Amino acid sequence: MKVKRSSKLTIKFATAKKRALLKKIITEYSLVVMFFIDFLWDKNLTKNDLLKNIINLPKTWLSARMCQCAAREALDMVNNAKKAAKAQKRKATKPRHYGKKMSLTSQIISIQKGCNSFDLWLVFTSIGNKIKIYIPLKKHRQFNWYQDWKMAKSIIVHEDYIQISFEKEFGNKKTSGIKLGIDVGINHLIALSDKRLYGSNVKEYINIIKRKTQNSKAYKRAKKTLSYYNHRIIKEFFRDNNLRLVVVENLKGLKSGKHNRGKEFRKTLSNWNYRELLNMIQMRTEENRVSFRSVSPYKTSQQCPYCSHAERGNRLGENFYCLKCGYSGHADIVGAINILDRFISGRYGAAFQT
């Protein structure tokens, strides 16, 4: 199984002159992409059809290689717009390139190892008008995670950062190991269907964020600290368990609608990125060859795992007590048990195979 990841590196170390020149290139590139979107919209072409006679159509100072990248990006945008419209059974609308970034191949852009205080240099060639740019880059923790991964040939260049993709072959999914349901929460980061809890300090980190002025430097540092804590706990969880299957809730709309249970709850939720946490779990399942599934979250923490009776009164805070049969336990663990049972007894889980 091939896994793909991406990492962003800031270009803030470049001079103001270089950044202004890069913005000028991106603006011109965007105009060329829009030209090709208009040209390709009513045609049924593939990337193999993007030959010299088409590539040379726009009047621009960009090189033919840059125009080729723009044409390919335009074709992808057109095909994705039509595909999305077909899936949603609606009329397709022409996409728009907003002039913020460009996708370039190794024919134009390359990354070289730094020989001074910078770790890497981003080198642009074959842009047009005899332009050549060197932009200094510095690695960070996430980028270093992918040191032994294969770097993709194309790089996304934004006016504020560059995005590099990596891929690695991990082999087939596991056919042995345990199956666990996971309930993610605020009091405990994850509760497991085998009655274990991980990350019981997560609320302390959330409360630190709540005390900071929103979007201040201290606020951003606290958010980053919480993210590091989440990564550490999820890494520890996968290290401790020989897993075959992980099942989570398909959480949506917690910050709006009927889930909105007061100002304090909303404030807590706004500082707890449950979607980021679920993405962390899914990414780790891929890297550890573990199957990943999700189920509806409907009343998972209010339903008794013993008699299946469900009502709001069964749960009070972190405590669960079934008003019908008297079963009691930790509410988050009860939720995790129901999450796993819901998949195993469901239409796909009953015959689950890796």
Protein backbone atom coordinates (compact mmCIF):
# COMPACT_ATOMS: atom_id res chain seq x y z
CA MET A 1 0.00 0.00 0.00
CA LYS A 2 1.45 3.35 -1.08
CA VAL A 3 0.92 6.22 1.38
CA LYS A 4 1.18 9.89 0.38
CA ARG A 5 1.86 12.86 2.64
CA SER A 6 2.72 16.53 2.18
CA SER A 7 4.64 19.15 4.12
CA LYS A 8 4.82 22.95 3.85
CA LEU A 9 7.97 25.08 4.13
CA THR A 10 7.77 28.86 4.55
CA ILE A 11 9.46 31.17 2.06
CA LYS A 12 9.73 34.04 4.57
CA PHE A 13 13.54 33.81 4.46
CA ALA A 14 13.57 35.07 0.86
CA THR A 15 14.26 38.75 0.23
CA ALA A 16 11.41 41.15 -0.48
CA LYS A 17 12.63 41.47 -4.08
CA LYS A 18 12.50 37.70 -4.63
CA ARG A 19 9.05 37.41 -3.07
CA ALA A 20 7.74 40.25 -5.26
CA LEU A 21 9.17 38.53 -8.36
CA LEU A 22 7.61 35.21 -7.32
CA LYS A 23 4.24 36.90 -6.89
CA LYS A 24 4.56 38.39 -10.40
CA ILE A 25 5.27 34.91 -11.83
CA ILE A 26 2.28 33.39 -10.00
CA THR A 27 -0.01 36.16 -11.30
CA GLU A 28 1.06 35.55 -14.91
CA TYR A 29 0.80 31.78 -14.40
CA SER A 30 -2.77 32.21 -13.13
CA LEU A 31 -3.76 34.14 -16.26
CA VAL A 32 -2.37 31.34 -18.44
CA VAL A 33 -4.27 28.70 -16.39
CA MET A 34 -7.52 30.66 -16.88
CA PHE A 35 -6.81 30.84 -20.64
CA PHE A 36 -6.48 27.05 -20.80
CA ILE A 37 -9.60 26.53 -18.64
CA ASP A 38 -11.62 28.55 -21.17
CA PHE A 39 -9.99 26.67 -24.05
CA LEU A 40 -10.47 23.17 -22.59
CA TRP A 41 -13.93 23.60 -21.06
CA ASP A 42 -15.95 22.40 -24.06
CA LYS A 43 -13.35 19.88 -25.28
CA ASN A 44 -12.69 16.28 -24.31
CA LEU A 45 -8.89 16.16 -24.18
CA THR A 46 -6.33 14.24 -22.13
CA LYS A 47 -2.85 15.26 -20.99
CA ASN A 48 -1.40 13.38 -23.96
CA ASP A 49 -3.27 15.80 -26.24
CA LEU A 50 -1.55 18.85 -24.74
CA LEU A 51 1.03 19.13 -27.51
CA LYS A 52 3.08 22.05 -28.79
CA ASN A 53 0.26 23.47 -30.93
CA ILE A 54 -1.90 23.90 -27.80
CA ILE A 55 0.84 24.83 -25.34
CA ASN A 56 1.93 27.78 -27.52
CA LEU A 57 -1.57 29.30 -27.79
CA PRO A 58 -1.49 31.83 -24.90
CA LYS A 59 0.36 35.12 -25.44
CA THR A 60 2.67 35.22 -22.44
CA TRP A 61 6.31 35.77 -21.50
CA LEU A 62 6.31 32.45 -19.58
CA SER A 63 8.32 29.59 -21.08
CA ALA A 64 6.75 26.65 -22.91
CA ARG A 65 7.48 24.43 -19.89
CA MET A 66 5.59 26.82 -17.60
CA CYS A 67 2.70 26.88 -20.07
CA GLN A 68 2.69 23.08 -20.13
CA CYS A 69 2.36 23.00 -16.30
CA ALA A 70 -0.45 25.57 -16.50
CA ALA A 71 -2.27 23.55 -19.18
CA ARG A 72 -2.07 20.36 -17.12
CA GLU A 73 -3.32 22.13 -13.99
CA ALA A 74 -6.18 23.66 -15.99
CA LEU A 75 -7.12 20.24 -17.39
CA ASP A 76 -7.19 18.75 -13.88
CA MET A 77 -9.39 21.61 -12.64
CA VAL A 78 -11.80 21.19 -15.57
CA ASN A 79 -12.06 17.41 -15.15
CA ASN A 80 -12.54 17.68 -11.37
CA ALA A 81 -15.28 20.31 -11.77
CA LYS A 82 -17.16 18.14 -14.28
CA LYS A 83 -16.71 15.02 -12.15
CA ALA A 84 -18.02 16.78 -9.02
CA ALA A 85 -21.02 18.14 -10.91
CA LYS A 86 -21.85 14.69 -12.28
CA ALA A 87 -21.64 13.12 -8.82
CA GLN A 88 -23.94 15.81 -7.37
CA LYS A 89 -26.27 15.69 -10.42
CA ARG A 90 -26.00 19.38 -11.19
CA LYS A 91 -24.77 21.56 -14.03
CA ALA A 92 -21.01 21.97 -14.09
CA THR A 93 -19.62 25.45 -13.46
CA LYS A 94 -16.32 26.60 -14.88
CA PRO A 95 -13.55 26.59 -12.20
CA ARG A 96 -11.42 29.62 -11.41
CA HIS A 97 -7.74 29.95 -10.60
CA TYR A 98 -7.28 32.58 -7.90
CA GLY A 99 -3.61 33.40 -8.50
CA LYS A 100 -2.31 32.21 -5.14
CA LYS A 101 -0.25 29.17 -6.14
CA MET A 102 1.06 27.08 -9.02
CA SER A 103 1.92 23.41 -9.48
CA LEU A 104 5.33 22.97 -11.10
CA THR A 105 7.30 19.91 -12.21
CA SER A 106 10.96 19.05 -11.75
CA GLN A 107 11.64 20.47 -15.24
CA ILE A 108 11.19 23.95 -13.74
CA ILE A 109 11.79 23.62 -10.02
CA SER A 110 14.28 21.65 -7.97
CA ILE A 111 15.40 21.40 -4.34
CA GLN A 112 19.08 21.49 -3.54
CA LYS A 113 20.84 20.95 -0.22
CA GLY A 114 21.95 24.12 1.52
CA CYS A 115 25.60 24.99 2.00
CA ASN A 116 25.17 27.79 4.57
CA SER A 117 22.72 28.61 7.38
CA PHE A 118 19.80 27.35 5.28
CA ASP A 119 18.92 23.64 4.98
CA LEU A 120 17.61 23.74 1.42
CA TRP A 121 17.41 25.98 -1.64
CA LEU A 122 14.45 26.10 -4.00
CA VAL A 123 15.75 26.70 -7.52
CA PHE A 124 13.54 27.98 -10.36
CA THR A 125 14.72 27.61 -13.96
CA SER A 126 13.05 27.78 -17.41
CA ILE A 127 10.52 30.34 -16.18
CA GLY A 128 10.86 32.75 -19.06
CA ASN A 129 12.52 36.16 -19.64
CA LYS A 130 15.79 34.53 -18.51
CA ILE A 131 14.55 34.60 -14.89
CA LYS A 132 16.25 32.36 -12.34
CA ILE A 133 15.40 32.43 -8.64
CA TYR A 134 17.01 30.85 -5.58
CA ILE A 135 14.80 30.78 -2.47
CA PRO A 136 16.24 29.66 0.91
CA LEU A 137 14.31 27.18 3.05
CA LYS A 138 14.59 25.78 6.56
CA LYS A 139 13.36 22.34 7.59
CA HIS A 140 11.04 21.75 10.55
CA ARG A 141 9.98 18.77 12.64
CA GLN A 142 7.22 17.53 10.36
CA PHE A 143 9.40 17.79 7.25
CA ASN A 144 12.09 15.69 8.95
CA TRP A 145 9.56 12.88 9.55
CA TYR A 146 9.70 12.16 5.81
CA GLN A 147 13.48 11.96 5.45
CA ASP A 148 13.35 8.35 4.22
CA TRP A 149 10.27 8.88 2.00
CA LYS A 150 10.38 9.43 -1.76
CA MET A 151 9.83 13.04 -2.78
CA ALA A 152 7.26 13.68 -5.53
CA LYS A 153 8.38 15.28 -8.79
CA SER A 154 5.85 18.13 -8.68
CA ILE A 155 5.86 20.92 -6.08
CA ILE A 156 3.10 23.40 -5.23
CA VAL A 157 4.43 26.95 -4.95
CA HIS A 158 2.31 29.42 -2.96
CA GLU A 159 3.13 33.09 -2.48
CA ASP A 160 3.79 32.33 1.22
CA TYR A 161 5.02 28.73 1.24
CA ILE A 162 5.92 25.69 -0.84
CA GLN A 163 4.21 22.33 -0.45
CA ILE A 164 6.22 19.18 -1.08
CA SER A 165 4.60 15.74 -1.41
CA PHE A 166 6.15 12.46 -0.30
CA GLU A 167 5.21 8.83 -0.80
CA LYS A 168 6.26 5.50 0.70
CA GLU A 169 5.31 1.85 0.21
CA PHE A 170 4.19 0.19 3.46
CA GLY A 171 2.95 -3.18 2.19
CA ASN A 172 -0.45 -4.83 2.53
CA LYS A 173 -2.89 -4.22 5.38
CA LYS A 174 -2.56 -6.49 8.41
CA THR A 175 -4.66 -9.65 8.52
CA SER A 176 -4.12 -10.27 12.25
CA GLY A 177 -4.36 -8.14 15.37
CA ILE A 178 -7.07 -6.67 17.58
CA LYS A 179 -10.11 -4.61 16.59
CA LEU A 180 -10.81 -1.45 18.59
CA GLY A 181 -13.52 1.18 18.66
CA ILE A 182 -12.32 4.70 19.52
CA ASP A 183 -14.35 7.52 21.06
CA VAL A 184 -12.56 10.87 20.87
CA GLY A 185 -13.36 13.42 23.55
CA ILE A 186 -12.47 16.49 25.57
CA ASN A 187 -11.92 14.92 28.99
CA HIS A 188 -9.90 12.01 27.57
CA LEU A 189 -8.34 12.25 24.14
CA ILE A 190 -9.36 8.71 23.18
CA ALA A 191 -11.41 6.06 24.95
CA LEU A 192 -11.12 2.47 23.73
CA SER A 193 -13.63 -0.33 23.47
CA ASP A 194 -11.36 -2.52 25.65
CA LYS A 195 -11.96 -0.03 28.53
CA ARG A 196 -8.68 1.89 28.37
CA LEU A 197 -8.21 5.65 28.28
CA TYR A 198 -5.43 7.67 26.63
CA GLY A 199 -4.63 11.37 26.91
CA SER A 200 -6.34 12.29 30.16
CA ASN A 201 -4.55 15.68 30.28
CA VAL A 202 -6.07 17.00 27.07
CA LYS A 203 -8.56 19.27 28.87
CA GLU A 204 -5.71 21.05 30.68
CA TYR A 205 -4.17 21.97 27.30
CA ILE A 206 -7.56 23.15 25.99
CA ASN A 207 -8.09 25.34 29.09
CA ILE A 208 -4.68 26.96 28.56
CA ILE A 209 -5.75 27.91 25.02
CA LYS A 210 -9.06 29.32 26.29
CA ARG A 211 -7.20 31.71 28.60
CA LYS A 212 -5.18 33.23 25.74
CA THR A 213 -6.23 36.11 23.52
CA GLN A 214 -7.43 34.63 20.26
CA ASN A 215 -4.88 34.75 17.40
CA SER A 216 -2.17 36.13 19.70
CA LYS A 217 1.31 34.59 19.66
CA ALA A 218 0.63 32.90 23.01
CA TYR A 219 -2.64 31.50 21.62
CA LYS A 220 -0.89 30.05 18.57
CA ARG A 221 1.87 28.53 20.74
CA ALA A 222 -0.73 26.91 22.98
CA LYS A 223 -2.58 25.51 19.95
CA LYS A 224 0.68 24.07 18.63
CA THR A 225 1.44 22.53 22.04
CA LEU A 226 -1.97 20.82 22.01
CA SER A 227 -1.29 19.49 18.51
CA TYR A 228 2.08 18.06 19.62
CA TYR A 229 0.38 16.45 22.62
CA ASN A 230 -2.24 14.85 20.36
CA HIS A 231 0.47 13.50 18.04
CA ARG A 232 2.40 12.05 20.97
CA ILE A 233 -0.65 10.28 22.45
CA ILE A 234 -1.75 8.83 19.08
CA LYS A 235 1.81 7.64 18.40
CA GLU A 236 1.91 6.01 21.84
CA PHE A 237 -1.45 4.33 21.23
CA PHE A 238 -0.31 2.70 17.98
CA ARG A 239 3.00 1.68 19.54
CA ASP A 240 1.25 -0.08 22.44
CA ASN A 241 -1.27 -2.06 20.40
CA ASN A 242 -1.06 -4.72 17.70
CA LEU A 243 -4.01 -3.46 15.67
CA ARG A 244 -5.87 -4.83 12.69
CA LEU A 245 -8.95 -2.55 12.66
CA VAL A 246 -9.79 0.88 14.10
CA VAL A 247 -13.37 2.23 14.06
CA VAL A 248 -14.21 5.87 14.88
CA GLU A 249 -17.25 8.13 14.79
CA ASN A 250 -17.93 10.11 11.63
CA LEU A 251 -18.18 13.41 13.51
CA LYS A 252 -19.80 16.34 11.71
CA GLY A 253 -21.41 19.59 12.78
CA LEU A 254 -20.38 19.50 16.44
CA LYS A 255 -19.85 23.27 16.44
CA SER A 256 -23.31 24.12 15.13
CA GLY A 257 -26.94 23.14 15.31
CA LYS A 258 -28.37 20.82 17.93
CA HIS A 259 -24.93 19.99 19.35
CA ASN A 260 -24.47 23.62 20.43
CA ARG A 261 -25.03 23.44 24.19
CA GLY A 262 -24.01 26.85 25.50
CA LYS A 263 -21.27 29.45 25.27
CA GLU A 264 -18.71 27.57 27.38
CA PHE A 265 -19.21 24.35 25.40
CA ARG A 266 -18.82 26.26 22.12
CA LYS A 267 -15.62 27.88 23.37
CA THR A 268 -14.21 24.50 24.39
CA LEU A 269 -15.10 22.95 21.04
CA SER A 270 -13.55 25.84 19.10
CA ASN A 271 -10.22 25.06 20.77
CA TRP A 272 -10.47 21.30 20.30
CA ASN A 273 -9.84 20.32 16.69
CA TYR A 274 -11.55 16.92 16.60
CA ARG A 275 -11.22 16.75 12.80
CA GLU A 276 -7.44 17.14 13.06
CA LEU A 277 -7.39 14.37 15.69
CA LEU A 278 -9.37 11.98 13.48
CA ASN A 279 -7.02 12.78 10.59
CA MET A 280 -4.05 11.92 12.83
CA ILE A 281 -5.61 8.55 13.66
CA GLN A 282 -6.36 7.82 10.01
CA MET A 283 -2.83 8.76 8.94
CA ARG A 284 -1.34 6.47 11.59
CA THR A 285 -3.56 3.59 10.50
CA GLU A 286 -2.21 3.93 6.96
CA GLU A 287 1.41 4.00 8.12
CA ASN A 288 0.87 0.99 10.41
CA ARG A 289 -1.10 -1.03 7.80
CA VAL A 290 -4.26 -0.95 9.93
CA SER A 291 -7.77 -0.82 8.44
CA PHE A 292 -9.74 2.34 9.24
CA ARG A 293 -13.55 2.64 9.30
CA SER A 294 -16.12 5.13 10.58
CA VAL A 295 -19.74 4.83 11.74
CA SER A 296 -22.61 7.18 12.58
CA PRO A 297 -22.18 8.87 15.98
CA TYR A 298 -25.93 8.77 16.70
CA LYS A 299 -26.43 8.14 20.45
CA THR A 300 -23.23 6.06 20.79
CA SER A 301 -22.69 7.39 24.34
CA GLN A 302 -26.37 7.15 25.34
CA GLN A 303 -27.05 3.57 24.23
CA CYS A 304 -26.54 0.66 26.61
CA PRO A 305 -24.07 -1.86 25.13
CA TYR A 306 -25.78 -4.66 27.12
CA CYS A 307 -29.51 -4.20 26.41
CA SER A 308 -29.35 -1.56 23.60
CA HIS A 309 -31.72 0.80 25.45
CA ALA A 310 -30.94 4.39 24.42
CA GLU A 311 -32.04 7.63 26.07
CA ARG A 312 -30.39 10.87 27.13
CA GLY A 313 -30.85 10.12 30.83
CA ASN A 314 -28.49 7.14 30.59
CA ARG A 315 -25.53 9.52 30.55
CA LEU A 316 -24.61 12.11 33.14
CA GLY A 317 -21.24 13.71 32.44
CA GLU A 318 -18.63 10.97 32.29
CA ASN A 319 -20.90 8.46 34.02
CA PHE A 320 -23.17 6.00 32.24
CA TYR A 321 -26.04 4.21 33.97
CA CYS A 322 -28.69 2.37 31.97
CA LEU A 323 -32.14 3.29 33.29
CA LYS A 324 -33.54 0.01 31.96
CA CYS A 325 -31.11 -2.76 32.94
CA GLY A 326 -28.76 -0.99 35.40
CA TYR A 327 -25.54 -1.43 33.40
CA SER A 328 -22.96 1.19 34.43
CA GLY A 329 -19.56 2.35 33.21
CA HIS A 330 -17.49 5.22 31.87
CA ALA A 331 -19.56 7.07 29.26
CA ASP A 332 -16.67 7.48 26.79
CA ILE A 333 -15.78 3.79 27.03
CA VAL A 334 -19.44 2.88 26.50
CA GLY A 335 -19.35 5.07 23.40
CA ALA A 336 -16.23 3.26 22.12
CA ILE A 337 -17.87 -0.16 22.70
CA ASN A 338 -20.95 0.94 20.76
CA ILE A 339 -18.81 2.35 17.94
CA LEU A 340 -17.07 -1.00 17.42
CA ASP A 341 -20.31 -2.99 17.80
CA ARG A 342 -22.09 -0.71 15.33
CA PHE A 343 -19.52 -1.52 12.66
CA ILE A 344 -19.12 -5.24 13.43
CA SER A 345 -22.87 -5.84 13.46
CA GLY A 346 -23.49 -3.51 10.52
CA ARG A 347 -23.87 -4.24 6.86
CA TYR A 348 -20.11 -4.20 6.12
CA GLY A 349 -18.69 -5.24 9.47
CA ALA A 350 -20.36 -8.61 9.75
CA ALA A 351 -18.17 -10.01 7.00
CA PHE A 352 -15.17 -7.70 7.60
CA GLN A 353 -11.95 -8.79 6.03
CA THR A 354 -8.76 -6.80 5.58
